PDB file of N, CA and C in Angstrom:
ATOM      1  N   MET A   1       0.917  -1.122   0.022  1.00  0.00           N
ATOM      2  CA  MET A   1      -0.070  -0.012   0.057  1.00  0.00           C
ATOM      3  C   MET A   1       0.804   1.400   0.041  1.00  0.00           C
ATOM      4  N   ALA A   2       2.121   1.214   0.467  1.00  0.00           N
ATOM      5  CA  ALA A   2       2.976   2.117   0.415  1.00  0.00           C
ATOM      6  C   ALA A   2       3.707   2.483  -0.793  1.00  0.00           C
ATOM      7  N   GLY A   3       3.582   1.473  -1.719  1.00  0.00           N
ATOM      8  CA  GLY A   3       4.309   1.896  -3.111  1.00  0.00           C
ATOM      9  C   GLY A   3       5.562   0.896  -3.096  1.00  0.00           C
ATOM     10  N   PHE A   4       5.669   0.195  -2.041  1.00  0.00           N
ATOM     11  CA  PHE A   4       7.108  -0.711  -2.156  1.00  0.00           C
ATOM     12  C   PHE A   4       6.905  -2.129  -2.577  1.00  0.00           C
ATOM     13  N   GLU A   5       7.778  -2.624  -3.345  1.00  0.00           N
ATOM     14  CA  GLU A   5       7.569  -4.035  -3.742  1.00  0.00           C
ATOM     15  C   GLU A   5       7.474  -4.929  -2.624  1.00  0.00           C
ATOM     16  N   CYS A   6       6.764  -5.990  -2.670  1.00  0.00           N
ATOM     17  CA  CYS A   6       6.690  -7.048  -1.654  1.00  0.00           C
ATOM     18  C   CYS A   6       7.098  -8.236  -2.205  1.00  0.00           C
ATOM     19  N   ARG A   7       8.051  -9.071  -1.734  1.00  0.00           N
ATOM     20  CA  ARG A   7       8.530 -10.309  -2.212  1.00  0.00           C
ATOM     21  C   ARG A   7       7.775 -11.390  -1.520  1.00  0.00           C
ATOM     22  N   VAL A   8       7.138 -12.311  -2.237  1.00  0.00           N
ATOM     23  CA  VAL A   8       6.533 -13.559  -1.660  1.00  0.00           C
ATOM     24  C   VAL A   8       7.461 -14.763  -2.022  1.00  0.00           C
ATOM     25  N   PRO A   9       7.980 -15.207  -1.057  1.00  0.00           N
ATOM     26  CA  PRO A   9       8.989 -16.447  -1.280  1.00  0.00           C
ATOM     27  C   PRO A   9       8.501 -17.641  -1.463  1.00  0.00           C
ATOM     28  N   ILE A  10       7.251 -17.944  -1.821  1.00  0.00           N
ATOM     29  CA  ILE A  10       6.634 -19.303  -2.007  1.00  0.00           C
ATOM     30  C   ILE A  10       5.864 -19.103  -3.397  1.00  0.00           C
ATOM     31  N   ALA A  11       6.039 -19.846  -4.391  1.00  0.00           N
ATOM     32  CA  ALA A  11       5.319 -19.891  -5.535  1.00  0.00           C
ATOM     33  C   ALA A  11       3.871 -20.558  -5.535  1.00  0.00           C
ATOM     34  N   ASP A  12       3.468 -21.028  -4.521  1.00  0.00           N
ATOM     35  CA  ASP A  12       2.218 -21.575  -4.547  1.00  0.00           C
ATOM     36  C   ASP A  12       1.343 -20.709  -3.868  1.00  0.00           C
ATOM     37  N   ARG A  13       0.336 -20.153  -4.807  1.00  0.00           N
ATOM     38  CA  ARG A  13      -0.667 -19.397  -4.373  1.00  0.00           C
ATOM     39  C   ARG A  13      -1.751 -20.093  -3.458  1.00  0.00           C
ATOM     40  N   GLY A  14      -1.919 -21.295  -3.508  1.00  0.00           N
ATOM     41  CA  GLY A  14      -2.752 -22.121  -2.503  1.00  0.00           C
ATOM     42  C   GLY A  14      -2.213 -22.061  -1.231  1.00  0.00           C
ATOM     43  N   PHE A  15      -0.808 -21.860  -0.990  1.00  0.00           N
ATOM     44  CA  PHE A  15      -0.327 -21.957   0.413  1.00  0.00           C
ATOM     45  C   PHE A  15      -1.154 -21.145   1.341  1.00  0.00           C
ATOM     46  N   LYS A  16      -1.417 -21.925   2.428  1.00  0.00           N
ATOM     47  CA  LYS A  16      -2.183 -21.370   3.427  1.00  0.00           C
ATOM     48  C   LYS A  16      -1.371 -20.931   4.764  1.00  0.00           C
ATOM     49  N   ALA A  17      -1.715 -19.955   5.479  1.00  0.00           N
ATOM     50  CA  ALA A  17      -1.193 -19.583   6.690  1.00  0.00           C
ATOM     51  C   ALA A  17      -2.316 -19.149   7.621  1.00  0.00           C
ATOM     52  N   THR A  18      -1.885 -19.149   8.932  1.00  0.00           N
ATOM     53  CA  THR A  18      -2.936 -18.474   9.895  1.00  0.00           C
ATOM     54  C   THR A  18      -2.334 -16.909  10.109  1.00  0.00           C
ATOM     55  N   LEU A  19      -3.552 -16.008  10.109  1.00  0.00           N
ATOM     56  CA  LEU A  19      -3.058 -14.605  10.188  1.00  0.00           C
ATOM     57  C   LEU A  19      -4.019 -14.078  11.150  1.00  0.00           C
ATOM     58  N   CYS A  20      -3.391 -12.895  11.642  1.00  0.00           N
ATOM     59  CA  CYS A  20      -4.374 -12.193  12.795  1.00  0.00           C
ATOM     60  C   CYS A  20      -3.927 -10.796  12.623  1.00  0.00           C
ATOM     61  N   THR A  21      -4.727  -9.866  12.744  1.00  0.00           N
ATOM     62  CA  THR A  21      -4.476  -8.369  12.655  1.00  0.00           C
ATOM     63  C   THR A  21      -3.748  -7.996  13.970  1.00  0.00           C
ATOM     64  N   PRO A  22      -2.919  -6.980  13.996  1.00  0.00           N
ATOM     65  CA  PRO A  22      -2.295  -6.563  15.118  1.00  0.00           C
ATOM     66  C   PRO A  22      -3.428  -6.152  16.215  1.00  0.00           C
ATOM     67  N   ARG A  23      -4.470  -5.525  15.796  1.00  0.00           N
ATOM     68  CA  ARG A  23      -5.647  -5.127  16.646  1.00  0.00           C
ATOM     69  C   ARG A  23      -6.174  -6.209  17.468  1.00  0.00           C
ATOM     70  N   VAL A  24      -6.591  -7.380  16.652  1.00  0.00           N
ATOM     71  CA  VAL A  24      -7.114  -8.492  17.496  1.00  0.00           C
ATOM     72  C   VAL A  24      -6.080  -9.185  18.381  1.00  0.00           C
ATOM     73  N   CYS A  25      -4.839  -9.274  17.942  1.00  0.00           N
ATOM     74  CA  CYS A  25      -3.738  -9.812  18.870  1.00  0.00           C
ATOM     75  C   CYS A  25      -3.690  -9.121  20.032  1.00  0.00           C
ATOM     76  N   VAL A  26      -3.561  -7.654  19.981  1.00  0.00           N
ATOM     77  CA  VAL A  26      -3.422  -6.954  21.123  1.00  0.00           C
ATOM     78  C   VAL A  26      -4.811  -6.945  21.924  1.00  0.00           C
ATOM     79  N   GLU A  27      -5.788  -6.946  21.515  1.00  0.00           N
ATOM     80  CA  GLU A  27      -7.175  -7.128  22.062  1.00  0.00           C
ATOM     81  C   GLU A  27      -7.094  -8.486  22.900  1.00  0.00           C
ATOM     82  N   ASN A  28      -6.790  -9.540  22.343  1.00  0.00           N
ATOM     83  CA  ASN A  28      -6.555 -10.864  23.023  1.00  0.00           C
ATOM     84  C   ASN A  28      -5.539 -10.955  24.143  1.00  0.00           C
ATOM     85  N   LEU A  29      -4.441 -10.241  23.849  1.00  0.00           N
ATOM     86  CA  LEU A  29      -3.437 -10.085  24.838  1.00  0.00           C
ATOM     87  C   LEU A  29      -3.958  -9.403  26.145  1.00  0.00           C
ATOM     88  N   VAL A  30      -4.650  -8.298  25.859  1.00  0.00           N
ATOM     89  CA  VAL A  30      -5.318  -7.533  26.996  1.00  0.00           C
ATOM     90  C   VAL A  30      -6.257  -8.553  27.797  1.00  0.00           C
ATOM     91  N   ARG A  31      -6.979  -9.017  26.928  1.00  0.00           N
ATOM     92  CA  ARG A  31      -8.015 -10.164  27.723  1.00  0.00           C
ATOM     93  C   ARG A  31      -7.384 -11.069  28.504  1.00  0.00           C
ATOM     94  N   VAL A  32      -6.380 -11.715  27.979  1.00  0.00           N
ATOM     95  CA  VAL A  32      -5.635 -12.596  28.756  1.00  0.00           C
ATOM     96  C   VAL A  32      -4.902 -12.183  30.015  1.00  0.00           C
ATOM     97  N   MET A  33      -4.305 -10.894  29.765  1.00  0.00           N
ATOM     98  CA  MET A  33      -3.681 -10.374  31.093  1.00  0.00           C
ATOM     99  C   MET A  33      -4.575  -9.929  32.163  1.00  0.00           C
ATOM    100  N   ASN A  34      -5.933  -9.852  31.835  1.00  0.00           N
ATOM    101  CA  ASN A  34      -6.882  -9.502  32.855  1.00  0.00           C
ATOM    102  C   ASN A  34      -7.532 -10.624  33.448  1.00  0.00           C
ATOM    103  N   TRP A  35      -7.372 -11.711  32.784  1.00  0.00           N
ATOM    104  CA  TRP A  35      -8.053 -12.997  33.316  1.00  0.00           C
ATOM    105  C   TRP A  35      -7.613 -13.308  34.738  1.00  0.00           C
ATOM    106  N   PRO A  36      -8.634 -13.712  35.545  1.00  0.00           N
ATOM    107  CA  PRO A  36      -8.104 -14.140  37.032  1.00  0.00           C
ATOM    108  C   PRO A  36      -7.271 -15.484  36.935  1.00  0.00           C
ATOM    109  N   ASN A  37      -6.424 -15.818  37.813  1.00  0.00           N
ATOM    110  CA  ASN A  37      -5.406 -16.693  37.782  1.00  0.00           C
ATOM    111  C   ASN A  37      -6.176 -18.264  37.686  1.00  0.00           C
ATOM    112  N   ASP A  38      -7.281 -18.417  38.089  1.00  0.00           N
ATOM    113  CA  ASP A  38      -7.914 -19.653  37.826  1.00  0.00           C
ATOM    114  C   ASP A  38      -8.827 -19.988  36.660  1.00  0.00           C
ATOM    115  N   LYS A  39      -8.706 -18.996  35.679  1.00  0.00           N
ATOM    116  CA  LYS A  39      -9.468 -18.970  34.391  1.00  0.00           C
ATOM    117  C   LYS A  39      -8.979 -20.290  33.556  1.00  0.00           C
ATOM    118  N   LEU A  40      -7.715 -20.638  33.706  1.00  0.00           N
ATOM    119  CA  LEU A  40      -7.091 -21.858  33.006  1.00  0.00           C
ATOM    120  C   LEU A  40      -6.622 -22.928  34.069  1.00  0.00           C
ATOM    121  N   LEU A  41      -6.827 -24.071  33.699  1.00  0.00           N
ATOM    122  CA  LEU A  41      -6.382 -25.081  34.599  1.00  0.00           C
ATOM    123  C   LEU A  41      -4.987 -25.187  34.710  1.00  0.00           C
ATOM    124  N   PRO A  42      -4.385 -25.460  35.962  1.00  0.00           N
ATOM    125  CA  PRO A  42      -2.925 -25.505  36.080  1.00  0.00           C
ATOM    126  C   PRO A  42      -2.066 -26.232  35.113  1.00  0.00           C
ATOM    127  N   HIS A  43      -2.891 -27.223  34.521  1.00  0.00           N
ATOM    128  CA  HIS A  43      -1.837 -28.155  33.614  1.00  0.00           C
ATOM    129  C   HIS A  43      -2.550 -27.864  32.030  1.00  0.00           C
ATOM    130  N   LYS A  44      -3.253 -26.940  31.933  1.00  0.00           N
ATOM    131  CA  LYS A  44      -3.554 -26.574  30.486  1.00  0.00           C
ATOM    132  C   LYS A  44      -3.601 -24.973  30.272  1.00  0.00           C
ATOM    133  N   ARG A  45      -2.341 -24.559  30.449  1.00  0.00           N
ATOM    134  CA  ARG A  45      -2.278 -23.056  30.537  1.00  0.00           C
ATOM    135  C   ARG A  45      -1.672 -22.380  29.236  1.00  0.00           C
ATOM    136  N   ALA A  46      -1.322 -23.207  28.226  1.00  0.00           N
ATOM    137  CA  ALA A  46      -0.953 -22.936  27.105  1.00  0.00           C
ATOM    138  C   ALA A  46      -1.996 -22.678  25.918  1.00  0.00           C
ATOM    139  N   LEU A  47      -1.977 -21.305  25.356  1.00  0.00           N
ATOM    140  CA  LEU A  47      -3.094 -21.123  24.352  1.00  0.00           C
ATOM    141  C   LEU A  47      -2.325 -20.626  23.007  1.00  0.00           C
ATOM    142  N   ASN A  48      -3.170 -20.833  22.006  1.00  0.00           N
ATOM    143  CA  ASN A  48      -2.773 -20.105  20.759  1.00  0.00           C
ATOM    144  C   ASN A  48      -3.905 -19.103  20.442  1.00  0.00           C
ATOM    145  N   PHE A  49      -3.381 -17.920  20.175  1.00  0.00           N
ATOM    146  CA  PHE A  49      -4.359 -16.891  19.802  1.00  0.00           C
ATOM    147  C   PHE A  49      -5.207 -17.298  18.487  1.00  0.00           C
ATOM    148  N   PRO A  50      -6.423 -17.074  18.358  1.00  0.00           N
ATOM    149  CA  PRO A  50      -7.019 -17.518  17.244  1.00  0.00           C
ATOM    150  C   PRO A  50      -6.611 -16.671  16.046  1.00  0.00           C
ATOM    151  N   GLY A  51      -6.603 -17.358  14.912  1.00  0.00           N
ATOM    152  CA  GLY A  51      -6.319 -16.548  13.616  1.00  0.00           C
ATOM    153  C   GLY A  51      -7.356 -17.170  12.485  1.00  0.00           C
ATOM    154  N   ILE A  52      -7.325 -16.417  11.368  1.00  0.00           N
ATOM    155  CA  ILE A  52      -7.778 -16.951  10.212  1.00  0.00           C
ATOM    156  C   ILE A  52      -7.008 -17.752   9.278  1.00  0.00           C
ATOM    157  N   ILE A  53      -7.496 -18.569   8.577  1.00  0.00           N
ATOM    158  CA  ILE A  53      -6.611 -19.464   7.776  1.00  0.00           C
ATOM    159  C   ILE A  53      -6.950 -18.844   6.145  1.00  0.00           C
ATOM    160  N   ALA A  54      -5.899 -18.343   5.684  1.00  0.00           N
ATOM    161  CA  ALA A  54      -5.995 -17.736   4.321  1.00  0.00           C
ATOM    162  C   ALA A  54      -4.826 -18.185   3.330  1.00  0.00           C
ATOM    163  N   SER A  55      -5.163 -18.349   2.155  1.00  0.00           N
ATOM    164  CA  SER A  55      -4.128 -18.706   1.172  1.00  0.00           C
ATOM    165  C   SER A  55      -3.470 -17.289   0.684  1.00  0.00           C
ATOM    166  N   VAL A  56      -2.423 -17.381  -0.121  1.00  0.00           N
ATOM    167  CA  VAL A  56      -1.601 -16.341  -0.796  1.00  0.00           C
ATOM    168  C   VAL A  56      -2.844 -15.760  -1.718  1.00  0.00           C
ATOM    169  N   GLN A  57      -3.457 -16.571  -2.593  1.00  0.00           N
ATOM    170  CA  GLN A  57      -4.442 -15.914  -3.416  1.00  0.00           C
ATOM    171  C   GLN A  57      -5.440 -15.327  -2.865  1.00  0.00           C
ATOM    172  N   GLU A  58      -6.040 -15.744  -1.679  1.00  0.00           N
ATOM    173  CA  GLU A  58      -6.912 -14.920  -1.031  1.00  0.00           C
ATOM    174  C   GLU A  58      -6.636 -13.679  -0.637  1.00  0.00           C
ATOM    175  N   MET A  59      -5.288 -13.596  -0.181  1.00  0.00           N
ATOM    176  CA  MET A  59      -4.700 -12.386   0.415  1.00  0.00           C
ATOM    177  C   MET A  59      -4.707 -11.337  -0.869  1.00  0.00           C
ATOM    178  N   MET A  60      -4.169 -11.922  -1.927  1.00  0.00           N
ATOM    179  CA  MET A  60      -4.009 -11.017  -3.191  1.00  0.00           C
ATOM    180  C   MET A  60      -5.301 -10.546  -3.548  1.00  0.00           C
ATOM    181  N   ASP A  61      -6.407 -11.343  -3.682  1.00  0.00           N
ATOM    182  CA  ASP A  61      -7.757 -10.943  -3.962  1.00  0.00           C
ATOM    183  C   ASP A  61      -8.205  -9.888  -3.185  1.00  0.00           C
ATOM    184  N   ALA A  62      -7.929 -10.053  -1.974  1.00  0.00           N
ATOM    185  CA  ALA A  62      -8.306  -9.125  -1.018  1.00  0.00           C
ATOM    186  C   ALA A  62      -7.593  -7.638  -1.285  1.00  0.00           C
ATOM    187  N   LEU A  63      -6.350  -7.810  -1.510  1.00  0.00           N
ATOM    188  CA  LEU A  63      -5.587  -6.609  -1.653  1.00  0.00           C
ATOM    189  C   LEU A  63      -6.037  -6.027  -3.061  1.00  0.00           C
ATOM    190  N   ALA A  64      -6.346  -6.597  -4.136  1.00  0.00           N
ATOM    191  CA  ALA A  64      -6.965  -6.030  -5.161  1.00  0.00           C
ATOM    192  C   ALA A  64      -8.232  -5.362  -4.929  1.00  0.00           C
ATOM    193  N   LYS A  65      -9.135  -5.908  -4.331  1.00  0.00           N
ATOM    194  CA  LYS A  65     -10.584  -5.573  -4.130  1.00  0.00           C
ATOM    195  C   LYS A  65     -10.509  -4.106  -3.094  1.00  0.00           C
ATOM    196  N   HIS A  66      -9.555  -4.231  -2.145  1.00  0.00           N
ATOM    197  CA  HIS A  66      -9.546  -3.021  -1.340  1.00  0.00           C
ATOM    198  C   HIS A  66      -8.471  -1.976  -1.487  1.00  0.00           C
ATOM    199  N   GLY A  67      -7.374  -2.539  -2.057  1.00  0.00           N
ATOM    200  CA  GLY A  67      -6.228  -1.511  -2.393  1.00  0.00           C
ATOM    201  C   GLY A  67      -6.174  -1.033  -3.681  1.00  0.00           C
ATOM    202  N   GLY A  68      -6.583  -1.901  -4.578  1.00  0.00           N
ATOM    203  CA  GLY A  68      -6.637  -1.589  -6.118  1.00  0.00           C
ATOM    204  C   GLY A  68      -5.697  -2.666  -6.767  1.00  0.00           C
ATOM    205  N   GLU A  69      -6.290  -2.970  -8.100  1.00  0.00           N
ATOM    206  CA  GLU A  69      -5.558  -3.978  -8.847  1.00  0.00           C
ATOM    207  C   GLU A  69      -3.946  -3.584  -9.208  1.00  0.00           C
ATOM    208  N   ASP A  70      -3.827  -2.274  -9.105  1.00  0.00           N
ATOM    209  CA  ASP A  70      -2.368  -1.826  -9.448  1.00  0.00           C
ATOM    210  C   ASP A  70      -1.301  -2.325  -8.323  1.00  0.00           C
ATOM    211  N   LYS A  71      -1.852  -2.550  -7.072  1.00  0.00           N
ATOM    212  CA  LYS A  71      -1.035  -3.002  -6.059  1.00  0.00           C
ATOM    213  C   LYS A  71      -0.397  -4.288  -6.219  1.00  0.00           C
ATOM    214  N   LEU A  72      -1.183  -5.123  -7.134  1.00  0.00           N
ATOM    215  CA  LEU A  72      -0.762  -6.502  -7.301  1.00  0.00           C
ATOM    216  C   LEU A  72       0.638  -6.451  -8.153  1.00  0.00           C
ATOM    217  N   LYS A  73       0.825  -5.424  -8.820  1.00  0.00           N
ATOM    218  CA  LYS A  73       1.966  -5.232  -9.800  1.00  0.00           C
ATOM    219  C   LYS A  73       3.270  -5.201  -8.845  1.00  0.00           C
ATOM    220  N   LEU A  74       3.036  -4.725  -7.528  1.00  0.00           N
ATOM    221  CA  LEU A  74       4.122  -4.715  -6.708  1.00  0.00           C
ATOM    222  C   LEU A  74       4.663  -5.883  -5.870  1.00  0.00           C
ATOM    223  N   ILE A  75       3.750  -6.986  -6.113  1.00  0.00           N
ATOM    224  CA  ILE A  75       3.974  -8.374  -5.701  1.00  0.00           C
ATOM    225  C   ILE A  75       4.993  -9.046  -6.395  1.00  0.00           C
ATOM    226  N   LYS A  76       5.994  -9.526  -5.982  1.00  0.00           N
ATOM    227  CA  LYS A  76       7.030 -10.243  -6.618  1.00  0.00           C
ATOM    228  C   LYS A  76       7.129 -11.788  -6.163  1.00  0.00           C
ATOM    229  N   GLU A  77       6.783 -12.702  -6.793  1.00  0.00           N
ATOM    230  CA  GLU A  77       6.677 -13.963  -6.360  1.00  0.00           C
ATOM    231  C   GLU A  77       8.091 -14.609  -6.909  1.00  0.00           C
ATOM    232  N   GLU A  78       8.888 -14.674  -5.718  1.00  0.00           N
ATOM    233  CA  GLU A  78      10.265 -15.235  -6.056  1.00  0.00           C
ATOM    234  C   GLU A  78      10.544 -16.313  -5.159  1.00  0.00           C
ATOM    235  N   ARG A  79      10.444 -17.716  -5.614  1.00  0.00           N
ATOM    236  CA  ARG A  79      10.566 -18.646  -4.585  1.00  0.00           C
ATOM    237  C   ARG A  79      11.918 -18.659  -4.011  1.00  0.00           C
ATOM    238  N   ASP A  80      12.032 -18.880  -2.585  1.00  0.00           N
ATOM    239  CA  ASP A  80      13.167 -19.111  -1.737  1.00  0.00           C
ATOM    240  C   ASP A  80      13.140 -20.314  -0.869  1.00  0.00           C
ATOM    241  N   GLU A  81      13.890 -21.327  -1.311  1.00  0.00           N
ATOM    242  CA  GLU A  81      13.617 -22.555  -0.806  1.00  0.00           C
ATOM    243  C   GLU A  81      13.824 -22.579   0.639  1.00  0.00           C
ATOM    244  N   VAL A  82      14.864 -21.664   1.331  1.00  0.00           N
ATOM    245  CA  VAL A  82      15.056 -21.725   2.822  1.00  0.00           C
ATOM    246  C   VAL A  82      13.691 -21.132   3.378  1.00  0.00           C
ATOM    247  N   SER A  83      13.212 -20.064   2.992  1.00  0.00           N
ATOM    248  CA  SER A  83      11.897 -19.452   3.364  1.00  0.00           C
ATOM    249  C   SER A  83      10.792 -20.528   3.251  1.00  0.00           C
ATOM    250  N   GLU A  84      10.643 -21.040   2.108  1.00  0.00           N
ATOM    251  CA  GLU A  84       9.436 -21.933   1.841  1.00  0.00           C
ATOM    252  C   GLU A  84       9.515 -23.177   2.913  1.00  0.00           C
ATOM    253  N   ARG A  85      10.727 -23.877   3.099  1.00  0.00           N
ATOM    254  CA  ARG A  85      10.817 -24.689   4.105  1.00  0.00           C
ATOM    255  C   ARG A  85      10.317 -24.266   5.441  1.00  0.00           C
ATOM    256  N   LEU A  86      10.730 -23.131   5.846  1.00  0.00           N
ATOM    257  CA  LEU A  86      10.166 -22.408   7.246  1.00  0.00           C
ATOM    258  C   LEU A  86       8.672 -22.336   7.243  1.00  0.00           C
ATOM    259  N   LEU A  87       8.339 -21.734   6.018  1.00  0.00           N
ATOM    260  CA  LEU A  87       6.679 -21.441   5.954  1.00  0.00           C
ATOM    261  C   LEU A  87       5.885 -22.818   5.990  1.00  0.00           C
ATOM    262  N   ARG A  88       6.435 -23.899   5.326  1.00  0.00           N
ATOM    263  CA  ARG A  88       5.742 -25.046   5.433  1.00  0.00           C
ATOM    264  C   ARG A  88       5.787 -25.850   6.569  1.00  0.00           C
ATOM    265  N   SER A  89       6.725 -25.270   7.507  1.00  0.00           N
ATOM    266  CA  SER A  89       6.942 -26.037   8.790  1.00  0.00           C
ATOM    267  C   SER A  89       5.942 -25.616   9.803  1.00  0.00           C
ATOM    268  N   TRP A  90       5.170 -24.482   9.575  1.00  0.00           N
ATOM    269  CA  TRP A  90       4.245 -23.736  10.438  1.00  0.00           C
ATOM    270  C   TRP A  90       2.912 -24.487  10.368  1.00  0.00           C
ATOM    271  N   ALA A  91       2.337 -24.665  11.606  1.00  0.00           N
ATOM    272  CA  ALA A  91       1.032 -25.197  11.699  1.00  0.00           C
ATOM    273  C   ALA A  91       0.181 -24.174  11.367  1.00  0.00           C
ATOM    274  N   TRP A  92      -0.929 -24.586  10.608  1.00  0.00           N
ATOM    275  CA  TRP A  92      -1.915 -23.641  10.077  1.00  0.00           C
ATOM    276  C   TRP A  92      -3.431 -24.088  10.208  1.00  0.00           C
ATOM    277  N   ASN A  93      -3.567 -25.504  10.397  1.00  0.00           N
ATOM    278  CA  ASN A  93      -4.996 -25.930  10.559  1.00  0.00           C
ATOM    279  C   ASN A  93      -5.145 -26.221  12.142  1.00  0.00           C
ATOM    280  N   ILE A  94      -5.219 -25.282  12.777  1.00  0.00           N
ATOM    281  CA  ILE A  94      -5.259 -25.299  14.307  1.00  0.00           C
ATOM    282  C   ILE A  94      -6.774 -25.177  14.716  1.00  0.00           C
ATOM    283  N   ASP A  95      -7.321 -26.033  15.609  1.00  0.00           N
ATOM    284  CA  ASP A  95      -8.677 -25.904  16.141  1.00  0.00           C
ATOM    285  C   ASP A  95      -8.696 -25.010  17.501  1.00  0.00           C
ATOM    286  N   TYR A  96      -9.296 -23.752  17.162  1.00  0.00           N
ATOM    287  CA  TYR A  96      -9.296 -22.704  18.121  1.00  0.00           C
ATOM    288  C   TYR A  96     -10.551 -22.747  18.949  1.00  0.00           C
ATOM    289  N   SER A  97     -11.344 -23.708  19.098  1.00  0.00           N
ATOM    290  CA  SER A  97     -12.639 -23.770  19.644  1.00  0.00           C
ATOM    291  C   SER A  97     -12.271 -23.616  21.191  1.00  0.00           C
ATOM    292  N   ARG A  98     -11.344 -24.109  21.959  1.00  0.00           N
ATOM    293  CA  ARG A  98     -10.971 -23.735  23.136  1.00  0.00           C
ATOM    294  C   ARG A  98     -10.864 -22.296  23.561  1.00  0.00           C
ATOM    295  N   GLU A  99      -9.936 -21.837  22.718  1.00  0.00           N
ATOM    296  CA  GLU A  99      -9.572 -20.389  22.807  1.00  0.00           C
ATOM    297  C   GLU A  99     -10.794 -19.338  22.559  1.00  0.00           C
ATOM    298  N   LEU A 100     -11.735 -19.661  21.590  1.00  0.00           N
ATOM    299  CA  LEU A 100     -12.850 -19.106  21.158  1.00  0.00           C
ATOM    300  C   LEU A 100     -13.905 -19.166  22.480  1.00  0.00           C
ATOM    301  N   GLY A 101     -13.962 -20.425  22.984  1.00  0.00           N
ATOM    302  CA  GLY A 101     -14.841 -20.613  24.035  1.00  0.00           C
ATOM    303  C   GLY A 101     -14.435 -19.806  25.344  1.00  0.00           C
ATOM    304  N   LEU A 102     -13.107 -19.460  25.477  1.00  0.00           N
ATOM    305  CA  LEU A 102     -12.608 -18.781  26.819  1.00  0.00           C
ATOM    306  C   LEU A 102     -12.830 -17.299  26.476  1.00  0.00           C
ATOM    307  N   GLY A 103     -13.337 -16.881  25.288  1.00  0.00           N
ATOM    308  CA  GLY A 103     -13.599 -15.489  25.116  1.00  0.00           C
ATOM    309  C   GLY A 103     -12.730 -14.687  24.252  1.00  0.00           C
ATOM    310  N   LEU A 104     -11.706 -15.359  23.555  1.00  0.00           N
ATOM    311  CA  LEU A 104     -10.731 -14.757  22.710  1.00  0.00           C
ATOM    312  C   LEU A 104     -11.398 -14.566  21.438  1.00  0.00           C
ATOM    313  N   GLU A 105     -10.885 -13.731  20.465  1.00  0.00           N
ATOM    314  CA  GLU A 105     -11.636 -13.342  19.308  1.00  0.00           C
ATOM    315  C   GLU A 105     -10.561 -13.580  18.024  1.00  0.00           C
ATOM    316  N   SER A 106     -11.272 -13.649  16.922  1.00  0.00           N
ATOM    317  CA  SER A 106     -10.445 -13.962  15.911  1.00  0.00           C
ATOM    318  C   SER A 106     -10.880 -12.935  14.705  1.00  0.00           C
ATOM    319  N   ASP A 107     -10.132 -12.678  13.837  1.00  0.00           N
ATOM    320  CA  ASP A 107     -10.543 -11.810  12.511  1.00  0.00           C
ATOM    321  C   ASP A 107     -11.684 -12.689  11.888  1.00  0.00           C
ATOM    322  N   GLU A 108     -12.310 -11.889  10.908  1.00  0.00           N
ATOM    323  CA  GLU A 108     -13.473 -12.407  10.397  1.00  0.00           C
ATOM    324  C   GLU A 108     -12.943 -13.254   9.140  1.00  0.00           C
ATOM    325  N   SER A 109     -12.150 -12.652   8.338  1.00  0.00           N
ATOM    326  CA  SER A 109     -11.770 -13.164   7.088  1.00  0.00           C
ATOM    327  C   SER A 109     -10.695 -12.504   6.518  1.00  0.00           C
ATOM    328  N   ALA A 110      -9.981 -12.961   5.507  1.00  0.00           N
ATOM    329  CA  ALA A 110      -8.787 -12.373   4.822  1.00  0.00           C
ATOM    330  C   ALA A 110      -9.308 -11.065   4.158  1.00  0.00           C
ATOM    331  N   ASP A 111     -10.406 -11.098   3.756  1.00  0.00           N
ATOM    332  CA  ASP A 111     -11.008  -9.962   3.076  1.00  0.00           C
ATOM    333  C   ASP A 111     -11.168  -8.717   4.056  1.00  0.00           C
ATOM    334  N   ALA A 112     -11.675  -9.123   5.247  1.00  0.00           N
ATOM    335  CA  ALA A 112     -11.823  -8.255   6.416  1.00  0.00           C
ATOM    336  C   ALA A 112     -10.622  -7.645   6.865  1.00  0.00           C
ATOM    337  N   LEU A 113      -9.618  -8.474   7.044  1.00  0.00           N
ATOM    338  CA  LEU A 113      -8.319  -8.247   7.464  1.00  0.00           C
ATOM    339  C   LEU A 113      -7.660  -7.291   6.703  1.00  0.00           C
ATOM    340  N   VAL A 114      -7.560  -7.542   5.389  1.00  0.00           N
ATOM    341  CA  VAL A 114      -6.952  -6.229   4.386  1.00  0.00           C
ATOM    342  C   VAL A 114      -7.694  -5.050   4.345  1.00  0.00           C
ATOM    343  N   LYS A 115      -9.106  -5.240   4.480  1.00  0.00           N
ATOM    344  CA  LYS A 115     -10.001  -3.944   4.514  1.00  0.00           C
ATOM    345  C   LYS A 115      -9.570  -3.165   5.565  1.00  0.00           C
ATOM    346  N   GLU A 116      -9.559  -3.850   6.979  1.00  0.00           N
ATOM    347  CA  GLU A 116      -9.231  -3.071   8.073  1.00  0.00           C
ATOM    348  C   GLU A 116      -7.880  -2.293   7.962  1.00  0.00           C
ATOM    349  N   TYR A 117      -6.902  -2.966   7.369  1.00  0.00           N
ATOM    350  CA  TYR A 117      -5.679  -2.301   7.066  1.00  0.00           C
ATOM    351  C   TYR A 117      -5.649  -1.247   6.284  1.00  0.00           C
ATOM    352  N   VAL A 118      -6.333  -1.349   5.071  1.00  0.00           N
ATOM    353  CA  VAL A 118      -6.369  -0.321   4.211  1.00  0.00           C
ATOM    354  C   VAL A 118      -7.290   0.958   4.852  1.00  0.00           C
ATOM    355  N   ASP A 119      -8.173   0.720   5.438  1.00  0.00           N
ATOM    356  CA  ASP A 119      -9.043   1.713   6.005  1.00  0.00           C
ATOM    357  C   ASP A 119      -8.245   2.374   7.238  1.00  0.00           C
ATOM    358  N   SER A 120      -7.391   1.552   7.930  1.00  0.00           N
ATOM    359  CA  SER A 120      -6.537   2.303   8.787  1.00  0.00           C
ATOM    360  C   SER A 120      -5.494   3.369   8.200  1.00  0.00           C
ATOM    361  N   LEU A 121      -5.102   3.154   7.044  1.00  0.00           N
ATOM    362  CA  LEU A 121      -4.325   4.037   6.386  1.00  0.00           C
ATOM    363  C   LEU A 121      -5.049   5.415   5.901  1.00  0.00           C
ATOM    364  N   LYS A 122      -6.262   5.461   5.932  1.00  0.00           N
ATOM    365  CA  LYS A 122      -7.034   6.616   5.529  1.00  0.00           C
ATOM    366  C   LYS A 122      -7.339   7.539   6.740  1.00  0.00           C
ATOM    367  N   LYS A 123      -6.984   6.994   7.945  1.00  0.00           N
ATOM    368  CA  LYS A 123      -7.374   7.904   9.281  1.00  0.00           C
ATOM    369  C   LYS A 123      -6.052   8.792   9.400  1.00  0.00           C
TER     370      LYS A 123
END
């Protein structure tokens, strides 16, 4: 959105990752920091903050929709084996039902995530 090239180190537009806006991440962090000590069982205190699962293509579609088709020209798909190995090692299909049941929140969709970012630049 700032006019800089963005390098995508994986050639697979179907590659999926878990994403979360900074706003939702911080809101969830504040929620957790304010929980009483007994909110989590002593033996089950680890959590994953909920995220959305989105593919590279879904993110590109959302960028075109909310930022403009011209922004896609700034994306350079240049496969990097080291980066790709790292990206493919990340878990992405995580069940967040426990975390959501505890009151944590998640972004709505890749489309909403990109729209929120683009809208924040207009303020």
